[in-house]
Amino acid sequence: MTTLAPFEIHPATSVAEASTLLGELGDEAVVYSGGTELLLLMKLGFASYEHLVDIKPIAELGSVEVRGGALLEPQPGYFRNVAVFDWKSLYPSLIRTFQLDPLAHAEARRGDLEAPNGARFKPDVAILPEVIERFMQRRDAAKQRGDRHADQAIKIMMNSLFGVLGAPSCRFFDPAIANAITSFGQQTLHWTRDAFLAA
């Protein structure tokens, strides 16, 4: 079983402190904000860092809200004829289907596609959907040849495209786009539940 190589976490309480730590620690350091993807990549051997600069304690980064997915209230009890639905790569699929990315958002005008959270996106200019399409093709190929590591690595990369839009530490951070993705996800899950219950 693969194990994580030793690393040290450095909590930062301000953006200035995080910047100083990254400068002092150099190439062996990376920003960490609680994402399991980084630790999984390190465990699988796809990334290696001796130092993680933890930005979760930085209060000024906590004032921006990115809403998460839908949580459907469970009903306790025993049931027959239970069906389980799992969306394949939900967030990447939503980015691809609705053409959600920073360029499409920046160039959007009145009358363009509007997400449930009110963010607008211009059709046919987005870059991320094509990137995701290539990732999906490579992931399918990895599955066909039985390459579990490549399959998981590509899945993480696709999901990280949402992460860079929703993490304040990333240069492409934009809560309007991140919340467009999660709001489409919430809408899709509620539509699916309602359709299933009506059947």
N, C-alpha and C. Protein backbone atom coordinates (compact mmCIF):
# COMPACT_ATOMS: atom_id res chain seq x y z
N MET A 1 0.84 -1.19 0.00
CA MET A 1 0.00 0.00 0.00
C MET A 1 0.89 1.25 0.00
N THR A 2 0.56 2.21 -0.86
CA THR A 2 1.34 3.43 -0.96
C THR A 2 1.11 4.30 0.27
N THR A 3 2.18 4.87 0.81
CA THR A 3 2.06 5.75 1.98
C THR A 3 2.58 7.14 1.62
N LEU A 4 2.10 8.12 2.36
CA LEU A 4 2.54 9.50 2.16
C LEU A 4 3.97 9.69 2.63
N ALA A 5 4.76 10.40 1.86
CA ALA A 5 6.09 10.79 2.32
C ALA A 5 5.94 11.86 3.39
N PRO A 6 6.88 11.99 4.31
CA PRO A 6 6.76 12.99 5.38
C PRO A 6 6.67 14.41 4.82
N PHE A 7 5.84 15.23 5.44
CA PHE A 7 5.73 16.64 5.06
C PHE A 7 5.34 17.43 6.30
N GLU A 8 5.53 18.74 6.23
CA GLU A 8 5.21 19.62 7.36
C GLU A 8 4.16 20.64 6.93
N ILE A 9 3.16 20.87 7.80
CA ILE A 9 2.12 21.86 7.52
C ILE A 9 2.46 23.14 8.27
N HIS A 10 2.42 24.27 7.55
CA HIS A 10 2.71 25.58 8.13
C HIS A 10 1.44 26.44 8.09
N PRO A 11 0.72 26.59 9.21
CA PRO A 11 -0.48 27.42 9.20
C PRO A 11 -0.14 28.90 9.03
N ALA A 12 -0.88 29.59 8.17
CA ALA A 12 -0.69 31.03 7.96
C ALA A 12 -1.94 31.76 8.44
N THR A 13 -1.76 32.88 9.10
CA THR A 13 -2.91 33.63 9.62
C THR A 13 -3.21 34.88 8.80
N SER A 14 -2.41 35.14 7.76
CA SER A 14 -2.66 36.29 6.88
C SER A 14 -2.11 35.97 5.49
N VAL A 15 -2.60 36.69 4.49
CA VAL A 15 -2.10 36.50 3.13
C VAL A 15 -0.61 36.84 3.08
N ALA A 16 -0.22 37.90 3.80
CA ALA A 16 1.19 38.30 3.82
C ALA A 16 2.06 37.20 4.40
N GLU A 17 1.60 36.58 5.49
CA GLU A 17 2.38 35.50 6.10
C GLU A 17 2.48 34.30 5.16
N ALA A 18 1.38 33.97 4.48
CA ALA A 18 1.40 32.85 3.54
C ALA A 18 2.39 33.13 2.41
N SER A 19 2.39 34.36 1.91
CA SER A 19 3.31 34.74 0.84
C SER A 19 4.76 34.65 1.30
N THR A 20 5.01 35.09 2.53
CA THR A 20 6.37 35.02 3.08
C THR A 20 6.83 33.58 3.22
N LEU A 21 5.95 32.72 3.75
CA LEU A 21 6.29 31.32 3.92
C LEU A 21 6.60 30.66 2.58
N LEU A 22 5.78 30.94 1.57
CA LEU A 22 6.01 30.35 0.26
C LEU A 22 7.34 30.81 -0.32
N GLY A 23 7.67 32.09 -0.10
CA GLY A 23 8.95 32.61 -0.58
C GLY A 23 10.13 31.97 0.12
N GLU A 24 10.01 31.77 1.44
CA GLU A 24 11.10 31.19 2.21
C GLU A 24 11.29 29.71 1.93
N LEU A 25 10.19 28.98 1.74
CA LEU A 25 10.26 27.53 1.57
C LEU A 25 10.55 27.12 0.14
N GLY A 26 10.33 28.01 -0.80
CA GLY A 26 10.69 27.76 -2.20
C GLY A 26 9.86 26.70 -2.88
N ASP A 27 10.51 25.97 -3.80
CA ASP A 27 9.81 25.00 -4.65
C ASP A 27 9.30 23.78 -3.91
N GLU A 28 9.75 23.57 -2.68
CA GLU A 28 9.30 22.42 -1.91
C GLU A 28 8.01 22.69 -1.17
N ALA A 29 7.40 23.88 -1.40
CA ALA A 29 6.17 24.26 -0.69
C ALA A 29 5.03 24.49 -1.67
N VAL A 30 3.81 24.28 -1.18
CA VAL A 30 2.61 24.51 -1.99
C VAL A 30 1.51 25.00 -1.06
N VAL A 31 0.56 25.77 -1.62
CA VAL A 31 -0.59 26.23 -0.84
C VAL A 31 -1.53 25.07 -0.60
N TYR A 32 -2.02 24.97 0.63
CA TYR A 32 -2.95 23.91 1.02
C TYR A 32 -4.15 24.56 1.69
N SER A 33 -5.35 24.21 1.21
CA SER A 33 -6.55 24.78 1.83
C SER A 33 -7.55 23.70 2.21
N GLY A 34 -7.06 22.53 2.55
CA GLY A 34 -7.92 21.47 3.05
C GLY A 34 -8.38 20.47 2.00
N GLY A 35 -7.94 20.63 0.75
CA GLY A 35 -8.38 19.73 -0.31
C GLY A 35 -7.75 18.35 -0.20
N THR A 36 -8.59 17.31 -0.29
CA THR A 36 -8.07 15.94 -0.22
C THR A 36 -7.36 15.56 -1.51
N GLU A 37 -7.64 16.29 -2.62
CA GLU A 37 -7.01 15.93 -3.89
C GLU A 37 -5.49 16.01 -3.81
N LEU A 38 -4.98 17.06 -3.17
CA LEU A 38 -3.53 17.22 -3.06
C LEU A 38 -2.91 16.05 -2.30
N LEU A 39 -3.51 15.70 -1.17
CA LEU A 39 -2.96 14.59 -0.37
C LEU A 39 -3.04 13.28 -1.13
N LEU A 40 -4.12 13.07 -1.89
CA LEU A 40 -4.23 11.85 -2.67
C LEU A 40 -3.18 11.80 -3.78
N LEU A 41 -2.97 12.93 -4.44
CA LEU A 41 -1.92 12.99 -5.47
C LEU A 41 -0.55 12.70 -4.87
N MET A 42 -0.32 13.21 -3.66
CA MET A 42 0.96 12.94 -2.98
C MET A 42 1.07 11.47 -2.60
N LYS A 43 -0.03 10.90 -2.14
CA LYS A 43 0.00 9.49 -1.74
C LYS A 43 0.24 8.58 -2.94
N LEU A 44 -0.35 8.93 -4.09
CA LEU A 44 -0.19 8.12 -5.29
C LEU A 44 1.16 8.35 -5.98
N GLY A 45 1.90 9.36 -5.50
CA GLY A 45 3.21 9.63 -6.06
C GLY A 45 3.21 10.57 -7.25
N PHE A 46 2.07 11.20 -7.53
CA PHE A 46 2.00 12.14 -8.66
C PHE A 46 2.50 13.53 -8.27
N ALA A 47 2.59 13.82 -6.98
CA ALA A 47 3.09 15.11 -6.50
C ALA A 47 3.90 14.85 -5.24
N SER A 48 4.87 15.71 -4.99
CA SER A 48 5.71 15.56 -3.80
C SER A 48 6.09 16.93 -3.26
N TYR A 49 5.69 17.22 -2.03
CA TYR A 49 6.02 18.49 -1.39
C TYR A 49 6.44 18.21 0.05
N GLU A 50 7.47 18.91 0.50
CA GLU A 50 7.92 18.76 1.88
C GLU A 50 7.16 19.69 2.81
N HIS A 51 6.58 20.76 2.25
CA HIS A 51 5.91 21.77 3.08
C HIS A 51 4.56 22.15 2.47
N LEU A 52 3.52 22.17 3.30
CA LEU A 52 2.20 22.65 2.89
C LEU A 52 1.90 23.92 3.67
N VAL A 53 1.64 25.02 2.97
CA VAL A 53 1.29 26.28 3.63
C VAL A 53 -0.24 26.32 3.73
N ASP A 54 -0.72 26.14 4.95
CA ASP A 54 -2.16 26.02 5.20
C ASP A 54 -2.79 27.41 5.29
N ILE A 55 -3.71 27.72 4.34
CA ILE A 55 -4.34 29.04 4.33
C ILE A 55 -5.74 29.02 4.94
N LYS A 56 -6.18 27.88 5.45
CA LYS A 56 -7.52 27.81 6.07
C LYS A 56 -7.68 28.80 7.23
N PRO A 57 -6.65 29.04 8.06
CA PRO A 57 -6.83 29.97 9.19
C PRO A 57 -6.93 31.45 8.79
N ILE A 58 -6.71 31.79 7.53
CA ILE A 58 -6.72 33.20 7.12
C ILE A 58 -8.15 33.72 7.08
N ALA A 59 -8.49 34.57 8.04
CA ALA A 59 -9.87 35.04 8.19
C ALA A 59 -10.38 35.79 6.97
N GLU A 60 -9.52 36.59 6.34
CA GLU A 60 -9.97 37.41 5.21
C GLU A 60 -10.36 36.56 4.00
N LEU A 61 -9.89 35.33 3.92
CA LEU A 61 -10.29 34.45 2.83
C LEU A 61 -11.59 33.73 3.12
N GLY A 62 -12.02 33.74 4.38
CA GLY A 62 -13.24 33.04 4.75
C GLY A 62 -14.50 33.84 4.55
N SER A 63 -14.38 35.11 4.12
CA SER A 63 -15.56 35.96 3.98
C SER A 63 -16.28 35.76 2.65
N VAL A 64 -15.66 35.02 1.72
CA VAL A 64 -16.27 34.76 0.42
C VAL A 64 -16.90 33.38 0.46
N GLU A 65 -18.16 33.30 0.12
CA GLU A 65 -18.88 32.03 0.24
C GLU A 65 -19.04 31.35 -1.11
N VAL A 66 -18.66 30.10 -1.17
CA VAL A 66 -18.97 29.24 -2.30
C VAL A 66 -19.90 28.16 -1.78
N ARG A 67 -21.10 28.14 -2.32
CA ARG A 67 -22.10 27.18 -1.85
C ARG A 67 -21.79 25.79 -2.39
N GLY A 68 -22.07 24.80 -1.59
CA GLY A 68 -21.80 23.42 -1.97
C GLY A 68 -22.96 22.78 -2.69
N GLY A 69 -22.92 21.47 -2.76
CA GLY A 69 -23.95 20.72 -3.47
C GLY A 69 -25.23 20.59 -2.66
N ALA A 70 -26.21 19.98 -3.28
CA ALA A 70 -27.51 19.78 -2.63
C ALA A 70 -27.43 18.63 -1.64
N LEU A 71 -28.07 18.80 -0.52
CA LEU A 71 -28.18 17.73 0.46
C LEU A 71 -29.65 17.39 0.61
N LEU A 72 -30.03 16.21 0.17
CA LEU A 72 -31.41 15.78 0.25
C LEU A 72 -31.65 15.15 1.61
N GLU A 73 -32.67 15.62 2.29
CA GLU A 73 -32.96 15.15 3.65
C GLU A 73 -33.33 13.67 3.62
N PRO A 74 -32.60 12.84 4.35
CA PRO A 74 -32.93 11.41 4.36
C PRO A 74 -34.18 11.11 5.18
N GLN A 75 -34.86 10.06 4.82
CA GLN A 75 -36.03 9.61 5.55
C GLN A 75 -35.70 8.29 6.25
N PRO A 76 -35.70 8.28 7.58
CA PRO A 76 -35.35 7.04 8.29
C PRO A 76 -36.40 5.96 8.09
N GLY A 77 -35.97 4.73 8.12
CA GLY A 77 -36.90 3.60 8.00
C GLY A 77 -36.36 2.55 7.07
N TYR A 78 -37.18 1.53 6.84
CA TYR A 78 -36.85 0.44 5.92
C TYR A 78 -37.70 0.58 4.67
N PHE A 79 -37.07 0.40 3.50
CA PHE A 79 -37.78 0.61 2.25
C PHE A 79 -37.48 -0.52 1.27
N ARG A 80 -38.46 -0.80 0.40
CA ARG A 80 -38.27 -1.75 -0.68
C ARG A 80 -38.09 -0.99 -1.99
N ASN A 81 -37.56 -1.68 -2.98
CA ASN A 81 -37.38 -1.08 -4.31
C ASN A 81 -36.60 0.23 -4.23
N VAL A 82 -35.44 0.18 -3.62
CA VAL A 82 -34.59 1.36 -3.48
C VAL A 82 -33.69 1.47 -4.72
N ALA A 83 -33.64 2.66 -5.28
CA ALA A 83 -32.78 2.92 -6.44
C ALA A 83 -31.64 3.86 -6.03
N VAL A 84 -30.46 3.63 -6.57
CA VAL A 84 -29.30 4.47 -6.28
C VAL A 84 -28.85 5.15 -7.57
N PHE A 85 -28.72 6.47 -7.51
CA PHE A 85 -28.26 7.24 -8.66
C PHE A 85 -26.96 7.94 -8.30
N ASP A 86 -25.99 7.87 -9.20
CA ASP A 86 -24.73 8.56 -8.99
C ASP A 86 -24.35 9.22 -10.31
N TRP A 87 -24.27 10.53 -10.31
CA TRP A 87 -23.91 11.24 -11.53
C TRP A 87 -22.43 11.05 -11.82
N LYS A 88 -22.11 10.68 -13.04
CA LYS A 88 -20.73 10.49 -13.44
C LYS A 88 -20.09 11.86 -13.65
N SER A 89 -19.08 12.16 -12.82
CA SER A 89 -18.34 13.43 -12.96
C SER A 89 -19.29 14.61 -13.07
N LEU A 90 -20.11 14.83 -12.04
CA LEU A 90 -21.18 15.82 -12.12
C LEU A 90 -20.67 17.22 -12.45
N TYR A 91 -19.73 17.75 -11.66
CA TYR A 91 -19.28 19.12 -11.89
C TYR A 91 -18.58 19.28 -13.23
N PRO A 92 -17.64 18.38 -13.61
CA PRO A 92 -17.07 18.50 -14.95
C PRO A 92 -18.12 18.40 -16.06
N SER A 93 -19.13 17.54 -15.86
CA SER A 93 -20.18 17.41 -16.87
C SER A 93 -21.00 18.69 -16.99
N LEU A 94 -21.23 19.35 -15.87
CA LEU A 94 -21.97 20.62 -15.89
C LEU A 94 -21.15 21.71 -16.58
N ILE A 95 -19.85 21.75 -16.30
CA ILE A 95 -18.98 22.73 -16.96
C ILE A 95 -19.03 22.53 -18.47
N ARG A 96 -18.98 21.27 -18.90
CA ARG A 96 -18.99 20.95 -20.33
C ARG A 96 -20.36 21.24 -20.96
N THR A 97 -21.42 20.84 -20.29
CA THR A 97 -22.77 20.99 -20.86
C THR A 97 -23.18 22.44 -21.00
N PHE A 98 -22.93 23.23 -19.94
CA PHE A 98 -23.41 24.62 -19.93
C PHE A 98 -22.33 25.63 -20.32
N GLN A 99 -21.12 25.13 -20.72
CA GLN A 99 -20.05 26.02 -21.18
C GLN A 99 -19.66 27.04 -20.12
N LEU A 100 -19.33 26.53 -18.92
CA LEU A 100 -19.03 27.38 -17.77
C LEU A 100 -17.52 27.52 -17.61
N ASP A 101 -17.01 28.72 -17.76
CA ASP A 101 -15.60 28.98 -17.48
C ASP A 101 -15.35 30.48 -17.41
N PRO A 102 -14.18 30.91 -16.97
CA PRO A 102 -13.92 32.35 -16.79
C PRO A 102 -14.09 33.18 -18.05
N LEU A 103 -13.65 32.67 -19.21
CA LEU A 103 -13.77 33.45 -20.44
C LEU A 103 -15.23 33.64 -20.84
N ALA A 104 -16.00 32.57 -20.77
CA ALA A 104 -17.43 32.66 -21.11
C ALA A 104 -18.16 33.61 -20.17
N HIS A 105 -17.73 33.62 -18.91
CA HIS A 105 -18.35 34.52 -17.93
C HIS A 105 -17.94 35.97 -18.18
N ALA A 106 -16.67 36.18 -18.49
CA ALA A 106 -16.16 37.53 -18.71
C ALA A 106 -16.79 38.18 -19.94
N GLU A 107 -17.09 37.38 -20.98
CA GLU A 107 -17.63 37.94 -22.21
C GLU A 107 -19.16 37.91 -22.28
N ALA A 108 -19.81 37.41 -21.23
CA ALA A 108 -21.27 37.28 -21.25
C ALA A 108 -21.96 38.63 -21.22
N ARG A 109 -23.08 38.69 -21.91
CA ARG A 109 -23.92 39.89 -21.94
C ARG A 109 -25.36 39.49 -21.64
N ARG A 110 -26.20 40.47 -21.48
CA ARG A 110 -27.63 40.22 -21.25
C ARG A 110 -28.18 39.35 -22.39
N GLY A 111 -28.94 38.35 -22.02
CA GLY A 111 -29.49 37.44 -23.02
C GLY A 111 -28.71 36.15 -23.18
N ASP A 112 -27.46 36.10 -22.67
CA ASP A 112 -26.69 34.86 -22.70
C ASP A 112 -27.21 33.90 -21.63
N LEU A 113 -26.69 32.68 -21.64
CA LEU A 113 -27.11 31.67 -20.67
C LEU A 113 -26.97 32.19 -19.25
N GLU A 114 -28.01 32.04 -18.44
CA GLU A 114 -27.97 32.48 -17.05
C GLU A 114 -28.11 31.27 -16.13
N ALA A 115 -27.15 31.10 -15.25
CA ALA A 115 -27.16 30.01 -14.28
C ALA A 115 -28.19 30.31 -13.18
N PRO A 116 -28.57 29.30 -12.41
CA PRO A 116 -29.54 29.53 -11.32
C PRO A 116 -29.09 30.58 -10.31
N ASN A 117 -27.77 30.81 -10.17
CA ASN A 117 -27.30 31.83 -9.23
C ASN A 117 -27.23 33.21 -9.86
N GLY A 118 -27.61 33.35 -11.13
CA GLY A 118 -27.63 34.65 -11.80
C GLY A 118 -26.41 34.96 -12.64
N ALA A 119 -25.34 34.16 -12.55
CA ALA A 119 -24.15 34.39 -13.37
C ALA A 119 -24.46 34.06 -14.83
N ARG A 120 -23.91 34.87 -15.74
CA ARG A 120 -24.16 34.67 -17.17
C ARG A 120 -22.91 34.13 -17.87
N PHE A 121 -23.15 33.39 -18.97
CA PHE A 121 -22.06 32.77 -19.72
C PHE A 121 -22.35 32.86 -21.21
N LYS A 122 -21.36 33.36 -21.96
CA LYS A 122 -21.49 33.46 -23.41
C LYS A 122 -21.23 32.10 -24.04
N PRO A 123 -22.10 31.64 -24.91
CA PRO A 123 -21.90 30.32 -25.52
C PRO A 123 -20.76 30.32 -26.54
N ASP A 124 -20.17 29.16 -26.71
CA ASP A 124 -19.19 28.88 -27.77
C ASP A 124 -17.86 29.61 -27.66
N VAL A 125 -17.53 30.14 -26.49
CA VAL A 125 -16.20 30.74 -26.33
C VAL A 125 -15.42 30.06 -25.20
N ALA A 126 -16.08 29.23 -24.40
CA ALA A 126 -15.45 28.62 -23.23
C ALA A 126 -14.31 27.69 -23.63
N ILE A 127 -13.29 27.65 -22.79
CA ILE A 127 -12.11 26.81 -23.01
C ILE A 127 -12.20 25.49 -22.22
N LEU A 128 -12.69 25.57 -20.99
CA LEU A 128 -12.70 24.40 -20.11
C LEU A 128 -13.49 23.20 -20.66
N PRO A 129 -14.64 23.41 -21.33
CA PRO A 129 -15.37 22.23 -21.83
C PRO A 129 -14.54 21.35 -22.76
N GLU A 130 -13.73 21.95 -23.61
CA GLU A 130 -12.89 21.17 -24.51
C GLU A 130 -11.79 20.44 -23.74
N VAL A 131 -11.25 21.10 -22.72
CA VAL A 131 -10.24 20.45 -21.87
C VAL A 131 -10.86 19.24 -21.17
N ILE A 132 -12.07 19.41 -20.64
CA ILE A 132 -12.74 18.31 -19.96
C ILE A 132 -13.06 17.17 -20.92
N GLU A 133 -13.46 17.50 -22.13
CA GLU A 133 -13.75 16.46 -23.13
C GLU A 133 -12.51 15.60 -23.38
N ARG A 134 -11.35 16.24 -23.50
CA ARG A 134 -10.11 15.48 -23.70
C ARG A 134 -9.79 14.61 -22.48
N PHE A 135 -9.99 15.18 -21.27
CA PHE A 135 -9.77 14.40 -20.05
C PHE A 135 -10.69 13.18 -20.01
N MET A 136 -11.96 13.38 -20.36
CA MET A 136 -12.93 12.27 -20.31
C MET A 136 -12.54 11.16 -21.28
N GLN A 137 -12.07 11.52 -22.47
CA GLN A 137 -11.63 10.52 -23.44
C GLN A 137 -10.44 9.74 -22.90
N ARG A 138 -9.50 10.45 -22.28
CA ARG A 138 -8.31 9.77 -21.73
C ARG A 138 -8.67 8.90 -20.53
N ARG A 139 -9.65 9.36 -19.73
CA ARG A 139 -10.07 8.54 -18.59
C ARG A 139 -10.75 7.26 -19.07
N ASP A 140 -11.60 7.36 -20.10
CA ASP A 140 -12.23 6.16 -20.66
C ASP A 140 -11.18 5.20 -21.18
N ALA A 141 -10.16 5.73 -21.84
CA ALA A 141 -9.08 4.86 -22.35
C ALA A 141 -8.33 4.19 -21.20
N ALA A 142 -8.10 4.93 -20.11
CA ALA A 142 -7.41 4.36 -18.95
C ALA A 142 -8.24 3.24 -18.34
N LYS A 143 -9.55 3.43 -18.27
CA LYS A 143 -10.43 2.38 -17.74
C LYS A 143 -10.39 1.14 -18.62
N GLN A 144 -10.40 1.33 -19.92
CA GLN A 144 -10.40 0.19 -20.85
C GLN A 144 -9.13 -0.63 -20.75
N ARG A 145 -8.01 0.03 -20.46
CA ARG A 145 -6.76 -0.73 -20.33
C ARG A 145 -6.48 -1.16 -18.89
N GLY A 146 -7.42 -0.86 -17.97
CA GLY A 146 -7.29 -1.29 -16.58
C GLY A 146 -6.28 -0.50 -15.77
N ASP A 147 -6.00 0.73 -16.18
CA ASP A 147 -5.01 1.57 -15.49
C ASP A 147 -5.73 2.39 -14.40
N ARG A 148 -5.85 1.81 -13.20
CA ARG A 148 -6.60 2.44 -12.10
C ARG A 148 -5.98 3.75 -11.65
N HIS A 149 -4.65 3.81 -11.63
CA HIS A 149 -3.97 5.03 -11.19
C HIS A 149 -4.25 6.20 -12.14
N ALA A 150 -4.13 5.94 -13.45
CA ALA A 150 -4.41 7.00 -14.43
C ALA A 150 -5.88 7.41 -14.36
N ASP A 151 -6.76 6.43 -14.21
CA ASP A 151 -8.20 6.72 -14.08
C ASP A 151 -8.46 7.69 -12.94
N GLN A 152 -7.90 7.39 -11.76
CA GLN A 152 -8.12 8.24 -10.59
C GLN A 152 -7.43 9.59 -10.72
N ALA A 153 -6.24 9.61 -11.31
CA ALA A 153 -5.52 10.87 -11.48
C ALA A 153 -6.28 11.81 -12.41
N ILE A 154 -6.85 11.27 -13.49
CA ILE A 154 -7.60 12.09 -14.44
C ILE A 154 -8.90 12.57 -13.79
N LYS A 155 -9.54 11.71 -13.01
CA LYS A 155 -10.75 12.12 -12.28
C LYS A 155 -10.45 13.31 -11.36
N ILE A 156 -9.34 13.23 -10.65
CA ILE A 156 -8.94 14.31 -9.74
C ILE A 156 -8.66 15.59 -10.53
N MET A 157 -7.98 15.46 -11.66
CA MET A 157 -7.70 16.64 -12.48
C MET A 157 -8.99 17.30 -12.96
N MET A 158 -9.96 16.49 -13.40
CA MET A 158 -11.23 17.07 -13.86
C MET A 158 -11.94 17.79 -12.73
N ASN A 159 -11.99 17.17 -11.56
CA ASN A 159 -12.66 17.79 -10.42
C ASN A 159 -11.92 19.04 -9.94
N SER A 160 -10.61 19.07 -10.15
CA SER A 160 -9.84 20.23 -9.70
C SER A 160 -10.16 21.47 -10.53
N LEU A 161 -10.75 21.29 -11.71
CA LEU A 161 -11.14 22.45 -12.51
C LEU A 161 -12.24 23.25 -11.80
N PHE A 162 -13.08 22.56 -11.05
CA PHE A 162 -14.03 23.29 -10.18
C PHE A 162 -13.27 23.88 -8.99
N GLY A 163 -12.34 23.12 -8.45
CA GLY A 163 -11.60 23.57 -7.27
C GLY A 163 -10.86 24.87 -7.49
N VAL A 164 -10.23 25.05 -8.66
CA VAL A 164 -9.49 26.29 -8.89
C VAL A 164 -10.41 27.49 -9.01
N LEU A 165 -11.67 27.25 -9.38
CA LEU A 165 -12.64 28.35 -9.48
C LEU A 165 -13.24 28.68 -8.12
N GLY A 166 -13.21 27.70 -7.18
CA GLY A 166 -13.84 27.91 -5.88
C GLY A 166 -12.89 28.12 -4.73
N ALA A 167 -11.58 28.08 -4.98
CA ALA A 167 -10.60 28.24 -3.90
C ALA A 167 -9.99 29.64 -3.95
N PRO A 168 -10.13 30.42 -2.87
CA PRO A 168 -9.58 31.79 -2.87
C PRO A 168 -8.08 31.86 -3.13
N SER A 169 -7.37 30.77 -2.91
CA SER A 169 -5.91 30.78 -3.10
C SER A 169 -5.51 30.66 -4.57
N CYS A 170 -6.46 30.38 -5.45
CA CYS A 170 -6.14 30.16 -6.86
C CYS A 170 -6.36 31.42 -7.69
N ARG A 171 -5.56 31.60 -8.71
CA ARG A 171 -5.64 32.82 -9.52
C ARG A 171 -6.93 32.91 -10.32
N PHE A 172 -7.60 31.78 -10.58
CA PHE A 172 -8.86 31.80 -11.33
C PHE A 172 -10.08 31.80 -10.42
N PHE A 173 -9.87 32.06 -9.14
CA PHE A 173 -10.98 32.07 -8.17
C PHE A 173 -12.06 33.06 -8.61
N ASP A 174 -13.29 32.57 -8.68
CA ASP A 174 -14.43 33.43 -8.99
C ASP A 174 -15.67 32.78 -8.39
N PRO A 175 -16.17 33.30 -7.25
CA PRO A 175 -17.32 32.67 -6.61
C PRO A 175 -18.56 32.64 -7.50
N ALA A 176 -18.69 33.60 -8.42
CA ALA A 176 -19.86 33.59 -9.31
C ALA A 176 -19.85 32.35 -10.20
N ILE A 177 -18.66 31.99 -10.72
CA ILE A 177 -18.57 30.81 -11.59
C ILE A 177 -18.71 29.53 -10.76
N ALA A 178 -18.00 29.48 -9.62
CA ALA A 178 -18.09 28.29 -8.76
C ALA A 178 -19.53 28.06 -8.31
N ASN A 179 -20.23 29.13 -7.94
CA ASN A 179 -21.62 28.98 -7.50
C ASN A 179 -22.56 28.68 -8.66
N ALA A 180 -22.19 29.08 -9.88
CA ALA A 180 -22.98 28.67 -11.04
C ALA A 180 -22.92 27.16 -11.21
N ILE A 181 -21.73 26.59 -11.03
CA ILE A 181 -21.57 25.14 -11.16
C ILE A 181 -22.36 24.41 -10.08
N THR A 182 -22.20 24.85 -8.81
CA THR A 182 -22.91 24.15 -7.73
C THR A 182 -24.42 24.37 -7.84
N SER A 183 -24.85 25.54 -8.29
CA SER A 183 -26.30 25.78 -8.39
C SER A 183 -26.93 24.95 -9.50
N PHE A 184 -26.19 24.78 -10.62
CA PHE A 184 -26.67 23.87 -11.66
C PHE A 184 -26.72 22.44 -11.11
N GLY A 185 -25.73 22.08 -10.29
CA GLY A 185 -25.73 20.75 -9.68
C GLY A 185 -26.92 20.54 -8.77
N GLN A 186 -27.21 21.53 -7.93
CA GLN A 186 -28.37 21.45 -7.04
C GLN A 186 -29.65 21.31 -7.85
N GLN A 187 -29.77 22.13 -8.89
CA GLN A 187 -30.97 22.10 -9.74
C GLN A 187 -31.14 20.72 -10.39
N THR A 188 -30.04 20.18 -10.91
CA THR A 188 -30.08 18.89 -11.58
C THR A 188 -30.49 17.78 -10.62
N LEU A 189 -29.93 17.80 -9.41
CA LEU A 189 -30.28 16.77 -8.43
C LEU A 189 -31.75 16.87 -8.01
N HIS A 190 -32.24 18.09 -7.85
CA HIS A 190 -33.65 18.25 -7.47
C HIS A 190 -34.58 17.84 -8.61
N TRP A 191 -34.22 18.17 -9.85
CA TRP A 191 -35.02 17.72 -10.99
C TRP A 191 -35.07 16.19 -11.04
N THR A 192 -33.92 15.56 -10.83
CA THR A 192 -33.86 14.09 -10.87
C THR A 192 -34.72 13.48 -9.77
N ARG A 193 -34.60 14.02 -8.55
CA ARG A 193 -35.42 13.51 -7.45
C ARG A 193 -36.90 13.67 -7.76
N ASP A 194 -37.30 14.85 -8.23
CA ASP A 194 -38.71 15.10 -8.50
C ASP A 194 -39.24 14.19 -9.61
N ALA A 195 -38.43 13.98 -10.66
CA ALA A 195 -38.85 13.11 -11.75
C ALA A 195 -39.00 11.67 -11.28
N PHE A 196 -38.05 11.25 -10.41
CA PHE A 196 -38.10 9.88 -9.89
C PHE A 196 -39.33 9.67 -9.01
N LEU A 197 -39.63 10.65 -8.15
CA LEU A 197 -40.78 10.53 -7.26
C LEU A 197 -42.09 10.58 -8.02
N ALA A 198 -42.10 11.29 -9.17
CA ALA A 198 -43.33 11.42 -9.95
C ALA A 198 -43.58 10.18 -10.82
N ALA A 199 -42.57 9.35 -11.01
CA ALA A 199 -42.71 8.19 -11.92
C ALA A 199 -43.57 7.10 -11.30
